[in-house]
Structure formats: structure tokens, C-alpha cells
Amino acid sequence: MQQLSGLDGGFLAMETRSVFGHVGSVCIVDAKSARSRLTLEHFTRVIESRLPLVPLFRRRLVTVPLGLDHPYWIEDPDFDIEFHIRELALPAPGNDRQLSEQVARLHARPLDRSRPLWEIYLISGLAGGRAAIYSKIHHAAIDGVSGGDILTAVLDTSPQGRPLPEVKAFKGEKSPDLTWLLSRSAFALARQPLQAVRVATDLSRLIPGLANVFGSPLAQRLAGSDTKDLLSQTALRAPKTPFNAPLSPHRRWAFTELPLAEVKKLRGIHGRPGLTVNDVVMALCAGALRRWLELHEALPTAPLVAAVPVSVRTKDQKGTFGNRVSMMLAALPTNLSDPGERLGAMHEAMRAAKDQHGAIPASLLADVSQFAMPALANQAWRLSARLRLFERVNPFNLIVSNIPGPNVPLYFAGAELLAYYPVSALVDGQGLNITVMSYRGNLYFGLIACRELVPDLDVMAGFLRDELDALTSAATSLEAG
């Protein structure tokens, strides 16, 4: 039995009728390449053989009465793998648009909290002899890095698979006594004043360092009032956009891929030292967002603001599950019309965001969230949704996440993995998320949005390719000149 951290529990507390705490992925595989026919029975047996490598697949939640403390994971004594692995087929012609619609519907269904918080769907009928494997798991159990660890556990580096540990008899755990849970909660509540003093002391020590960061010449220059400056005078308060509004329960999902070699080539333009692949990815997102907002006559004069997840997992925590993540805020130069200028400005914005984030302890988000009693945290999320607080005090417009992935061929149940697309989560007031995963020389973009707020999400995804072409053209002109 293991208790969730405050940060893990926060992803449970945030859920409402229109906000879900799970994240997912879509693996496209070549079903023709599989050594055995890719049936539901075969696929289920493969996942079942990996259960010892992914212990959280057999863990379910036990909540504390009255929400007085964070829930616990226990080994589910009633675990039934057939509940978690399902199949469906796309009708002819089995194109990518049909797949995106089906994934959006599946992703808009909450997970059953009485069972382990994951599901996998084998989707057949894709054109070209392909199949798709859509999986989702609750964010309370994983972050981007630990999600990658699960991917490593279920995928293989050869179609023959690999030697696996001997499967031992699984018995599960008995649910803890309610009296024991309440007594543990009372002990935890008694310790909170001491923990609060420690966190407050750490925060007081940070104030001089934060003042130096936000008062630096770079920060002051970025906070100017000219429309070409990167940040507005309100610092990182995000402007209003069509996708910053209350969410419906319905989703759109779109996906695209870009060659990593073309993205890496752009790092050398304009002679900017230190330009990273992530800077280019962020600039591509900024350009695609600008094009979409212009199309809808909704482009703000101020830059958009992106929340960028940052892993704070230490070497000692490698291989563990749960969330070890922080967040930094970066301006997206959507107010600049020139693609080359946007790329340069994005590099500066990311450098400023890293400086600001570096002045804050990696454990701060986890420390503060530890005080959030689930009963109160859930009510706070629901109240903020009703009052539309995230629209009135809008700290960021969307989440943009870039997750490095493997660069070697992988196989899922013996079938070659052709592509890996993320399917992330939304929070109330931020109806758009862009997540990127690299694999075998390509960047795979997965865009998720509220169906009512961004009905043409596929158009935005297409703009990513257009923006890469524009940046490449600008680089070619610069070299020719």
C-alpha cells in the first residue's frame, strides 16, 4: 500500500464533469509485420506478460473517508485484465480523420475509479494494413517521464520480444480498515503546521533571488510596452483567446508529424548560439497558433503564454511512478509576424523562463500541493470553474510539452511501431494542449482541445507544417543573401 502525494492527488481533485485527469497516447503499428496475428486475445496475453514490469497496472485507489487525506494505492484483489483491454474497428476506408474522431470520443470518457486507472484499445481497420493502439492512464499515477518508463516496459526492441520475469501468483491486498485510515489522517493533519513553517521558511529565503531574476536587464527588456517586445507590462498574464473559456465534456484530437532533421537544421540560422530543438518546437507552435488566431480574427496584440512542464525527477527517483514535475511559464511571440524574428524571440523567451524557473526550488510545487486536503481541493476546483476564475485571472493560455523519445525501432506485440502520438489532458479555462514526442527521426505532435472551443483543430495541426516550411524558407533566403 502506498499513499499518493499531494501533487498526484491534485490530478484527481481537478476532475469535474468536463475536465478529466487522464493522459494517453496513440501508437500506430504495422499489423502486417507482426509474427502473430494481432488479435485481442494475443494482444491481451502480451500486456498480461508485462504486468510484473508495470506494477501500477494492478493498483487501484482507496479513498480516505470525508476526503481528509490523500488516497492510497493498493494491489487490486479483484483485478481483471479483460476489463482494461478492449477492441474496436474503424469502418472503411479507415483513414486518419476517422481515427482522430474515435480517439477523441474515447478520451472524453472518464476512467472508473473503482478499478486500476488505465485502459488500452486495439483499433483495427486503418488503411494500409495498419492498426492503432490507444491507451490512457490517470495522471495521478504518472508524469511524462514515468509514462515513458511504461512505454519501455510494454514495447520491445525486436519483433521476437524479450525474456520476462517469471509471473508469480497475484493475490492483491485487502482494503485497509476505515478506522486505520482516519487515524493516519489525524496524524498527518497534526504534522501540517510544522510542514507549513518549513515551506514558508524556504519561500522567505527565495525572495532575494526571485527579485534578482525578475529585475534583471533581460526581464526588464522583455517586459516593455512595445508590441514587438516579448512580454507585456502585465508580465506573464495571458491575453484572452477563443480557447480560454469553460470546457465542455467533448474533445477534438489532431495529430501530425515533422522530420526532426529539418527542425535540427534550423538551429543554425541567424547565428544564434544555444538555440535548441525545443526552442524551434516552441516557435513552430507559436507560428501555428498565430495563423489559427488570425484565421479566426482573434489574434491578441500581446504574446500568448505557454505553461511548459519540467521534469524534476532525480537519479534516485528514476524508475518510480507518480509525478515529479514542475512548471515554467514562457511567452510565445505570436505578436511577431516574421517567422525568423519569432524563432529568435522564442529563444530569448525560453532563456528567460529557465532563469525564472531556476530561482524556484524543484520541490516547491510538490511541497505546496501536499497541504491540499482532497475534499477541499476538489471543491476549490469546482468553485473556480463555476466562477470562471481561470478566465478572469489567466496565468497561461495553453500547455506545450516536448517529451524526448527513443531513436531506435520498437515493436508492440511483435508489430513494428510506426508512429507515437501523445493525447494529453486539459484544465478548465485552457481548452488546448500541444504535446510532442520524438521517435526515430520524427517529431509526433498530438493536439487535444475542447470540441466547442476549437472545432477545426486539424487546421491548427496543419499550420505546424506550414510554419516549418516558412522557417526553412527564411533560413534558405538568409544563407543565399
Protein backbone atom coordinates (compact mmCIF):
# COMPACT_ATOMS: atom_id res chain seq x y z
CA MET A 1 0.00 0.00 0.00
CA GLN A 2 1.34 3.45 -0.95
CA GLN A 3 -0.13 6.88 -0.36
CA LEU A 4 -0.41 9.38 -3.20
CA SER A 5 1.49 12.63 -2.90
CA GLY A 6 -0.37 15.93 -2.82
CA LEU A 7 0.68 16.56 -6.42
CA ASP A 8 -0.61 13.15 -7.55
CA GLY A 9 -3.86 13.70 -5.65
CA GLY A 10 -4.28 17.08 -7.31
CA PHE A 11 -4.91 15.38 -10.66
CA LEU A 12 -7.80 13.52 -9.03
CA ALA A 13 -9.17 16.64 -7.34
CA MET A 14 -9.21 18.64 -10.60
CA GLU A 15 -11.73 16.31 -12.26
CA THR A 16 -15.22 17.59 -12.97
CA ARG A 17 -17.92 16.61 -15.47
CA SER A 18 -15.93 18.34 -18.22
CA VAL A 19 -12.31 18.02 -17.02
CA PHE A 20 -10.56 14.66 -16.93
CA GLY A 21 -7.26 13.79 -15.29
CA HIS A 22 -6.04 11.07 -17.63
CA VAL A 23 -3.41 11.28 -20.36
CA GLY A 24 -2.85 8.92 -23.23
CA SER A 25 -1.11 8.01 -26.45
CA VAL A 26 -1.80 6.50 -29.87
CA CYS A 27 0.71 4.02 -31.26
CA ILE A 28 0.42 3.31 -34.98
CA VAL A 29 1.78 -0.15 -35.82
CA ASP A 30 2.26 -2.16 -38.97
CA ALA A 31 -0.06 -5.08 -38.24
CA LYS A 32 1.25 -6.97 -41.29
CA SER A 33 4.73 -7.14 -39.74
CA ALA A 34 3.58 -8.95 -36.58
CA ARG A 35 4.83 -12.52 -36.15
CA SER A 36 1.42 -13.50 -34.78
CA ARG A 37 -1.91 -12.14 -35.94
CA LEU A 38 -2.73 -9.02 -33.90
CA THR A 39 -5.93 -10.23 -32.27
CA LEU A 40 -7.41 -9.07 -28.98
CA GLU A 41 -6.52 -12.39 -27.34
CA HIS A 42 -2.87 -12.21 -28.45
CA PHE A 43 -2.61 -8.55 -27.52
CA THR A 44 -4.11 -9.19 -24.07
CA ARG A 45 -1.64 -12.00 -23.36
CA VAL A 46 1.28 -9.73 -24.31
CA ILE A 47 0.14 -6.97 -21.93
CA GLU A 48 -0.54 -9.54 -19.23
CA SER A 49 3.05 -10.79 -19.53
CA ARG A 50 4.32 -7.24 -18.82
CA LEU A 51 2.30 -6.72 -15.63
CA PRO A 52 5.27 -7.53 -13.36
CA LEU A 53 7.19 -4.69 -15.07
CA VAL A 54 4.36 -2.18 -14.54
CA PRO A 55 3.03 -2.75 -11.00
CA LEU A 56 0.69 0.26 -11.11
CA PHE A 57 -1.40 -1.56 -13.74
CA ARG A 58 -2.76 -3.70 -10.88
CA ARG A 59 -3.20 -0.93 -8.34
CA ARG A 60 -6.47 0.78 -7.54
CA LEU A 61 -7.41 3.70 -5.32
CA VAL A 62 -8.62 3.61 -1.75
CA THR A 63 -10.00 6.96 -0.66
CA VAL A 64 -9.89 8.29 2.89
CA PRO A 65 -13.35 8.92 4.43
CA LEU A 66 -14.59 12.51 4.04
CA GLY A 67 -11.57 13.32 1.87
CA LEU A 68 -9.48 14.14 4.95
CA ASP A 69 -6.21 12.91 3.45
CA HIS A 70 -4.70 11.83 0.16
CA PRO A 71 -5.82 8.43 -1.23
CA TYR A 72 -3.77 5.24 -1.24
CA TRP A 73 -2.82 2.74 -3.92
CA ILE A 74 -3.44 -0.91 -3.11
CA GLU A 75 -2.90 -4.07 -5.15
CA ASP A 76 -6.40 -4.73 -6.51
CA PRO A 77 -7.60 -8.15 -5.24
CA ASP A 78 -10.29 -8.18 -7.96
CA PHE A 79 -8.01 -7.26 -10.86
CA ASP A 80 -9.44 -8.34 -14.24
CA ILE A 81 -7.24 -7.57 -17.22
CA GLU A 82 -10.08 -8.15 -19.69
CA PHE A 83 -11.86 -5.10 -18.28
CA HIS A 84 -8.90 -2.88 -19.24
CA ILE A 85 -8.08 -4.15 -22.73
CA ARG A 86 -10.71 -3.67 -25.42
CA GLU A 87 -11.01 -3.59 -29.19
CA LEU A 88 -12.90 -1.77 -31.91
CA ALA A 89 -12.65 -1.46 -35.68
CA LEU A 90 -12.85 1.57 -37.96
CA PRO A 91 -15.24 1.32 -40.91
CA ALA A 92 -13.86 1.63 -44.44
CA PRO A 93 -11.85 3.49 -45.59
CA GLY A 94 -10.13 3.59 -42.18
CA ASN A 95 -8.47 6.96 -42.64
CA ASP A 96 -6.68 9.21 -40.15
CA ARG A 97 -9.68 11.51 -39.72
CA GLN A 98 -11.82 8.56 -38.57
CA LEU A 99 -9.07 7.59 -36.15
CA SER A 100 -8.83 11.10 -34.67
CA GLU A 101 -12.62 11.20 -34.15
CA GLN A 102 -12.63 7.82 -32.42
CA VAL A 103 -9.70 8.71 -30.16
CA ALA A 104 -11.38 12.00 -29.21
CA ARG A 105 -14.53 10.13 -28.15
CA LEU A 106 -12.59 7.57 -26.13
CA HIS A 107 -10.50 10.25 -24.46
CA ALA A 108 -13.64 12.11 -23.36
CA ARG A 109 -14.75 9.18 -21.16
CA PRO A 110 -13.59 9.27 -17.53
CA LEU A 111 -11.82 6.27 -16.01
CA ASP A 112 -13.62 4.05 -13.49
CA ARG A 113 -12.10 4.88 -10.08
CA SER A 114 -13.21 1.57 -8.60
CA ARG A 115 -10.62 -0.18 -10.79
CA PRO A 116 -6.96 0.41 -11.75
CA LEU A 117 -6.89 3.69 -13.65
CA TRP A 118 -5.94 2.65 -17.17
CA GLU A 119 -7.42 1.31 -20.42
CA ILE A 120 -5.98 0.16 -23.75
CA TYR A 121 -7.91 -0.12 -27.04
CA LEU A 122 -6.75 -2.15 -30.03
CA ILE A 123 -8.15 -0.30 -33.06
CA SER A 124 -8.11 -2.24 -36.31
CA GLY A 125 -9.23 -1.25 -39.81
CA LEU A 126 -6.69 1.50 -40.53
CA ALA A 127 -5.79 1.79 -44.21
CA GLY A 128 -2.55 0.21 -45.39
CA GLY A 129 -2.68 -2.76 -43.04
CA ARG A 130 -2.03 -0.60 -40.01
CA ALA A 131 -3.55 -0.76 -36.55
CA ALA A 132 -3.71 1.81 -33.75
CA ILE A 133 -3.28 1.20 -30.03
CA TYR A 134 -4.87 3.90 -27.91
CA SER A 135 -4.01 3.83 -24.22
CA LYS A 136 -4.93 6.11 -21.36
CA ILE A 137 -3.82 6.22 -17.75
CA HIS A 138 -4.59 8.66 -14.98
CA HIS A 139 -2.13 11.50 -14.44
CA ALA A 140 -2.30 10.73 -10.71
CA ALA A 141 -0.14 7.68 -11.48
CA ILE A 142 2.38 9.04 -14.00
CA ASP A 143 4.09 12.10 -15.46
CA GLY A 144 5.82 12.37 -18.82
CA VAL A 145 8.99 10.59 -17.71
CA SER A 146 7.28 7.73 -15.86
CA GLY A 147 4.90 7.41 -18.80
CA GLY A 148 7.97 6.81 -20.93
CA ASP A 149 9.05 4.10 -18.48
CA ILE A 150 5.71 2.33 -19.05
CA LEU A 151 6.28 2.60 -22.80
CA THR A 152 9.67 0.95 -22.32
CA ALA A 153 8.06 -1.87 -20.34
CA VAL A 154 5.42 -2.77 -22.93
CA LEU A 155 7.45 -2.20 -26.11
CA ASP A 156 10.33 -4.32 -27.39
CA THR A 157 13.44 -3.64 -29.44
CA SER A 158 12.84 -6.70 -31.62
CA PRO A 159 9.73 -8.42 -33.02
CA GLN A 160 10.67 -11.56 -31.08
CA GLY A 161 10.11 -9.81 -27.75
CA ARG A 162 12.42 -10.36 -24.75
CA PRO A 163 12.93 -12.58 -21.73
CA LEU A 164 10.46 -11.68 -18.99
CA PRO A 165 10.48 -12.29 -15.25
CA GLU A 166 8.57 -15.30 -14.01
CA VAL A 167 4.95 -14.40 -13.34
CA LYS A 168 4.15 -15.11 -9.71
CA ALA A 169 0.70 -15.73 -8.34
CA PHE A 170 -1.06 -12.44 -7.72
CA LYS A 171 -3.29 -12.14 -4.66
CA GLY A 172 -3.80 -8.43 -4.18
CA GLU A 173 -4.30 -6.58 -0.91
CA LYS A 174 -7.21 -6.24 1.42
CA SER A 175 -8.63 -2.71 1.68
CA PRO A 176 -7.41 -1.01 4.87
CA ASP A 177 -9.77 -0.54 7.79
CA LEU A 178 -11.61 2.81 7.83
CA THR A 179 -10.56 3.41 11.44
CA TRP A 180 -6.92 2.96 10.47
CA LEU A 181 -7.31 5.40 7.56
CA LEU A 182 -8.88 8.03 9.81
CA SER A 183 -6.18 7.64 12.45
CA ARG A 184 -3.45 8.07 9.81
CA SER A 185 -5.27 11.16 8.55
CA ALA A 186 -5.36 12.65 12.04
CA PHE A 187 -1.61 12.10 12.39
CA ALA A 188 -0.97 13.75 9.02
CA LEU A 189 -3.13 16.76 9.92
CA ALA A 190 -1.24 17.17 13.18
CA ARG A 191 2.07 17.41 11.29
CA GLN A 192 0.89 20.04 8.81
CA PRO A 193 1.68 23.14 10.93
CA LEU A 194 5.33 22.07 11.18
CA GLN A 195 5.49 21.38 7.46
CA ALA A 196 3.89 24.75 6.72
CA VAL A 197 6.55 26.53 8.77
CA ARG A 198 9.30 24.73 6.83
CA VAL A 199 7.81 25.62 3.43
CA ALA A 200 7.22 29.25 4.48
CA THR A 201 10.84 29.49 5.66
CA ASP A 202 12.10 28.14 2.33
CA LEU A 203 9.93 30.66 0.46
CA SER A 204 11.26 33.58 2.51
CA ARG A 205 14.81 32.62 1.55
CA LEU A 206 13.84 32.71 -2.13
CA ILE A 207 12.62 36.31 -2.24
CA PRO A 208 16.01 37.96 -2.86
CA GLY A 209 16.86 35.51 -5.65
CA LEU A 210 13.47 35.96 -7.32
CA ALA A 211 13.84 39.74 -7.15
CA ASN A 212 17.20 39.49 -8.91
CA VAL A 213 15.74 37.32 -11.68
CA PHE A 214 12.65 39.42 -12.36
CA GLY A 215 14.62 42.64 -12.00
CA SER A 216 17.39 41.64 -14.39
CA PRO A 217 18.03 43.74 -17.53
CA LEU A 218 16.76 40.86 -19.68
CA ALA A 219 13.48 40.64 -17.75
CA GLN A 220 13.03 44.42 -17.89
CA ARG A 221 13.64 44.48 -21.63
CA LEU A 222 11.17 41.65 -22.21
CA ALA A 223 8.53 43.41 -20.13
CA GLY A 224 8.34 46.53 -22.29
CA SER A 225 5.15 48.02 -23.71
CA ASP A 226 6.08 48.00 -27.40
CA THR A 227 4.19 45.40 -29.44
CA LYS A 228 7.50 43.92 -30.61
CA ASP A 229 8.60 43.26 -27.05
CA LEU A 230 8.17 39.75 -25.83
CA LEU A 231 6.13 40.34 -22.73
CA SER A 232 3.51 42.92 -21.91
CA GLN A 233 3.63 45.23 -18.90
CA THR A 234 1.41 42.78 -17.05
CA ALA A 235 4.36 40.34 -17.11
CA LEU A 236 3.04 36.84 -17.65
CA ARG A 237 -0.69 37.45 -17.52
CA ALA A 238 -2.05 35.72 -20.56
CA PRO A 239 -4.27 37.51 -23.11
CA LYS A 240 -7.77 36.34 -23.99
CA THR A 241 -8.19 33.77 -26.79
CA PRO A 242 -11.12 31.69 -28.08
CA PHE A 243 -9.79 28.56 -26.33
CA ASN A 244 -9.53 30.21 -22.90
CA ALA A 245 -13.10 29.58 -21.79
CA PRO A 246 -15.12 26.99 -19.83
CA LEU A 247 -14.78 23.49 -21.23
CA SER A 248 -17.43 21.10 -22.42
CA PRO A 249 -17.01 17.34 -21.87
CA HIS A 250 -16.33 16.84 -25.59
CA ARG A 251 -12.91 16.70 -27.25
CA ARG A 252 -11.14 17.07 -30.55
CA TRP A 253 -7.81 15.37 -31.22
CA ALA A 254 -5.49 16.06 -34.14
CA PHE A 255 -2.04 14.78 -34.97
CA THR A 256 0.81 15.40 -37.37
CA GLU A 257 4.48 14.59 -37.74
CA LEU A 258 7.53 16.64 -38.76
CA PRO A 259 11.03 15.44 -39.69
CA LEU A 260 13.42 16.01 -36.81
CA ALA A 261 16.30 16.59 -39.26
CA GLU A 262 14.52 19.64 -40.72
CA VAL A 263 13.91 21.01 -37.23
CA LYS A 264 17.55 20.48 -36.19
CA LYS A 265 18.76 22.22 -39.35
CA LEU A 266 17.01 25.42 -38.25
CA ARG A 267 19.18 25.68 -35.14
CA GLY A 268 21.98 27.18 -37.22
CA ILE A 269 20.08 30.13 -38.71
CA HIS A 270 20.64 33.75 -37.70
CA GLY A 271 23.86 32.68 -35.98
CA ARG A 272 22.15 32.29 -32.59
CA PRO A 273 24.32 30.24 -30.23
CA GLY A 274 22.50 27.95 -27.85
CA LEU A 275 19.37 27.59 -29.99
CA THR A 276 17.80 24.23 -29.09
CA VAL A 277 15.40 21.83 -30.76
CA ASN A 278 12.88 22.74 -28.07
CA ASP A 279 13.23 26.44 -28.97
CA VAL A 280 12.35 25.56 -32.57
CA VAL A 281 9.42 23.37 -31.49
CA MET A 282 8.06 26.20 -29.33
CA ALA A 283 8.48 28.65 -32.25
CA LEU A 284 6.57 26.26 -34.54
CA CYS A 285 3.73 26.16 -32.01
CA ALA A 286 3.76 29.95 -31.73
CA GLY A 287 3.57 30.30 -35.51
CA ALA A 288 0.74 27.76 -35.85
CA LEU A 289 -1.21 29.49 -33.07
CA ARG A 290 -0.73 32.88 -34.73
CA ARG A 291 -2.01 31.54 -38.07
CA TRP A 292 -5.07 29.96 -36.42
CA LEU A 293 -5.89 33.06 -34.39
CA GLU A 294 -5.55 35.27 -37.47
CA LEU A 295 -7.87 32.92 -39.37
CA HIS A 296 -10.48 33.42 -36.64
CA GLU A 297 -9.80 37.18 -36.35
CA ALA A 298 -8.85 36.68 -32.70
CA LEU A 299 -5.10 37.41 -32.59
CA PRO A 300 -4.22 39.34 -29.40
CA THR A 301 -1.69 42.16 -29.59
CA ALA A 302 0.21 40.68 -26.65
CA PRO A 303 2.11 37.37 -26.82
CA LEU A 304 0.40 34.22 -25.65
CA VAL A 305 1.80 32.46 -22.58
CA ALA A 306 2.57 28.74 -22.50
CA ALA A 307 2.94 26.55 -19.44
CA VAL A 308 5.83 24.16 -20.06
CA PRO A 309 6.09 21.05 -17.82
CA VAL A 310 9.60 20.41 -16.48
CA SER A 311 10.69 17.08 -15.00
CA VAL A 312 12.35 17.38 -11.58
CA ARG A 313 12.88 13.64 -11.21
CA THR A 314 16.26 12.88 -9.64
CA LYS A 315 18.53 9.93 -10.41
CA ASP A 316 17.34 8.26 -7.21
CA GLN A 317 13.73 8.59 -8.38
CA LYS A 318 14.39 7.09 -11.82
CA GLY A 319 12.11 4.14 -12.46
CA THR A 320 9.49 5.26 -9.92
CA PHE A 321 5.96 6.25 -10.84
CA GLY A 322 3.88 9.22 -9.76
CA ASN A 323 4.55 12.88 -10.57
CA ARG A 324 7.92 14.58 -10.23
CA VAL A 325 7.17 17.65 -12.26
CA SER A 326 7.28 21.41 -12.09
CA MET A 327 6.02 24.09 -14.47
CA MET A 328 7.61 27.12 -16.08
CA LEU A 329 5.82 29.91 -17.95
CA ALA A 330 7.17 31.14 -21.28
CA ALA A 331 5.93 33.85 -23.60
CA LEU A 332 5.01 32.71 -27.11
CA PRO A 333 5.86 35.52 -29.59
CA THR A 334 2.59 35.22 -31.51
CA ASN A 335 2.63 39.03 -31.85
CA LEU A 336 5.58 38.90 -34.28
CA SER A 337 4.68 38.37 -37.93
CA ASP A 338 8.14 37.38 -39.21
CA PRO A 339 8.94 33.65 -38.68
CA GLY A 340 12.67 34.31 -38.23
CA GLU A 341 12.03 37.00 -35.65
CA ARG A 342 9.64 34.66 -33.84
CA LEU A 343 12.33 32.00 -33.61
CA GLY A 344 14.87 34.43 -32.18
CA ALA A 345 12.34 35.84 -29.73
CA MET A 346 11.32 32.33 -28.69
CA HIS A 347 14.92 31.53 -27.84
CA GLU A 348 15.10 34.61 -25.60
CA ALA A 349 11.74 33.81 -24.00
CA MET A 350 12.80 30.26 -23.14
CA ARG A 351 16.06 31.51 -21.67
CA ALA A 352 14.18 34.00 -19.51
CA ALA A 353 11.68 31.31 -18.45
CA LYS A 354 14.52 28.97 -17.45
CA ASP A 355 16.16 31.73 -15.39
CA GLN A 356 12.91 32.41 -13.56
CA HIS A 357 12.18 28.72 -13.07
CA GLY A 358 15.72 28.06 -11.85
CA ALA A 359 15.23 30.53 -8.99
CA ILE A 360 12.40 28.37 -7.61
CA PRO A 361 13.10 25.08 -5.77
CA ALA A 362 12.25 21.98 -7.79
CA SER A 363 10.15 20.61 -4.93
CA LEU A 364 8.08 23.77 -4.35
CA LEU A 365 5.01 22.63 -6.32
CA ALA A 366 5.04 19.26 -4.58
CA ASP A 367 5.55 20.85 -1.15
CA VAL A 368 2.69 23.31 -1.52
CA SER A 369 0.27 20.75 -3.01
CA GLN A 370 0.90 18.41 -0.10
CA PHE A 371 -1.29 20.66 2.10
CA ALA A 372 -4.32 20.39 -0.18
CA MET A 373 -6.89 18.20 1.59
CA PRO A 374 -8.72 16.27 -1.17
CA ALA A 375 -12.21 17.30 0.00
CA LEU A 376 -11.27 20.99 -0.04
CA ALA A 377 -9.15 20.77 -3.20
CA ASN A 378 -11.99 19.21 -5.19
CA GLN A 379 -14.43 21.87 -4.00
CA ALA A 380 -11.90 24.59 -4.85
CA TRP A 381 -11.55 23.30 -8.43
CA ARG A 382 -15.33 23.13 -8.86
CA LEU A 383 -15.82 26.61 -7.40
CA SER A 384 -13.15 28.09 -9.66
CA ALA A 385 -14.90 26.50 -12.67
CA ARG A 386 -18.28 27.94 -11.66
CA LEU A 387 -16.80 31.40 -11.06
CA ARG A 388 -14.68 31.14 -14.23
CA LEU A 389 -11.60 32.18 -12.25
CA PHE A 390 -9.16 30.85 -14.86
CA GLU A 391 -10.65 33.29 -17.35
CA ARG A 392 -10.51 36.27 -15.00
CA VAL A 393 -7.01 35.53 -13.69
CA ASN A 394 -5.47 33.82 -16.68
CA PRO A 395 -1.85 32.78 -15.90
CA PHE A 396 -1.33 30.95 -19.22
CA ASN A 397 -3.17 30.17 -22.45
CA LEU A 398 -2.20 26.54 -23.03
CA ILE A 399 0.25 23.79 -22.09
CA VAL A 400 3.04 22.91 -24.52
CA SER A 401 5.10 19.83 -23.69
CA ASN A 402 8.05 18.26 -25.53
CA ILE A 403 8.99 14.72 -24.45
CA PRO A 404 12.16 13.11 -25.84
CA GLY A 405 11.62 9.57 -27.04
CA PRO A 406 13.63 6.61 -28.34
CA ASN A 407 15.56 6.75 -31.61
CA VAL A 408 15.57 3.00 -32.31
CA PRO A 409 12.89 0.83 -33.94
CA LEU A 410 10.38 -0.54 -31.43
CA TYR A 411 7.74 -3.26 -31.59
CA PHE A 412 4.34 -3.57 -29.93
CA ALA A 413 3.13 -7.17 -29.54
CA GLY A 414 5.50 -8.10 -32.39
CA ALA A 415 4.24 -5.38 -34.76
CA GLU A 416 6.59 -2.60 -35.82
CA LEU A 417 5.86 0.76 -34.20
CA LEU A 418 5.49 3.33 -36.99
CA ALA A 419 4.46 6.41 -35.00
CA TYR A 420 3.73 7.52 -31.44
CA TYR A 421 1.30 10.41 -30.87
CA PRO A 422 0.54 11.90 -27.41
CA VAL A 423 -3.02 12.53 -26.21
CA SER A 424 -2.79 14.86 -23.24
CA ALA A 425 -5.20 16.47 -20.76
CA LEU A 426 -6.95 19.84 -20.46
CA VAL A 427 -7.60 22.00 -17.42
CA ASP A 428 -10.57 24.29 -17.02
CA GLY A 429 -10.07 27.62 -18.75
CA GLN A 430 -7.32 26.23 -21.00
CA GLY A 431 -9.07 24.36 -23.78
CA LEU A 432 -5.96 23.50 -25.81
CA ASN A 433 -2.87 21.36 -25.23
CA ILE A 434 0.02 20.62 -27.61
CA THR A 435 2.32 17.72 -26.73
CA VAL A 436 5.26 16.48 -28.81
CA MET A 437 7.07 13.14 -28.70
CA SER A 438 10.19 12.26 -30.70
CA TYR A 439 10.72 8.81 -32.20
CA ARG A 440 13.05 7.51 -34.93
CA GLY A 441 13.89 10.82 -36.55
CA ASN A 442 10.43 12.38 -36.38
CA LEU A 443 8.53 14.70 -34.07
CA TYR A 444 5.00 13.46 -33.42
CA PHE A 445 2.56 16.20 -32.40
CA GLY A 446 -0.68 15.41 -30.58
CA LEU A 447 -3.13 18.31 -30.15
CA ILE A 448 -6.13 17.98 -27.82
CA ALA A 449 -8.83 20.62 -27.45
CA CYS A 450 -12.37 21.23 -26.30
CA ARG A 451 -14.59 20.37 -29.28
CA GLU A 452 -16.70 23.53 -28.95
CA LEU A 453 -13.77 25.92 -28.46
CA VAL A 454 -11.52 24.62 -31.26
CA PRO A 455 -13.76 22.75 -33.72
CA ASP A 456 -11.16 22.89 -36.52
CA LEU A 457 -8.19 21.53 -34.58
CA ASP A 458 -6.93 19.68 -37.68
CA VAL A 459 -6.41 23.07 -39.35
CA MET A 460 -4.16 24.17 -36.47
CA ALA A 461 -2.20 20.92 -36.75
CA GLY A 462 -1.68 21.56 -40.47
CA PHE A 463 -0.29 25.01 -39.69
CA LEU A 464 2.67 23.35 -37.92
CA ARG A 465 3.88 22.01 -41.28
CA ASP A 466 3.28 25.42 -42.88
CA GLU A 467 5.30 27.11 -40.16
CA LEU A 468 8.23 24.71 -40.58
CA ASP A 469 8.20 25.43 -44.33
CA ALA A 470 8.19 29.18 -43.61
CA LEU A 471 11.13 28.92 -41.20
CA THR A 472 13.05 26.75 -43.66
CA SER A 473 12.38 29.25 -46.46
CA ALA A 474 13.57 32.11 -44.24
CA ALA A 475 16.76 30.18 -43.44
CA THR A 476 17.40 29.44 -47.14
CA SER A 477 16.96 33.12 -48.02
CA LEU A 478 19.34 34.12 -45.25
CA GLU A 479 22.03 31.70 -46.47
CA ALA A 480 21.58 32.86 -50.09
CA GLY A 481 21.86 36.51 -49.04
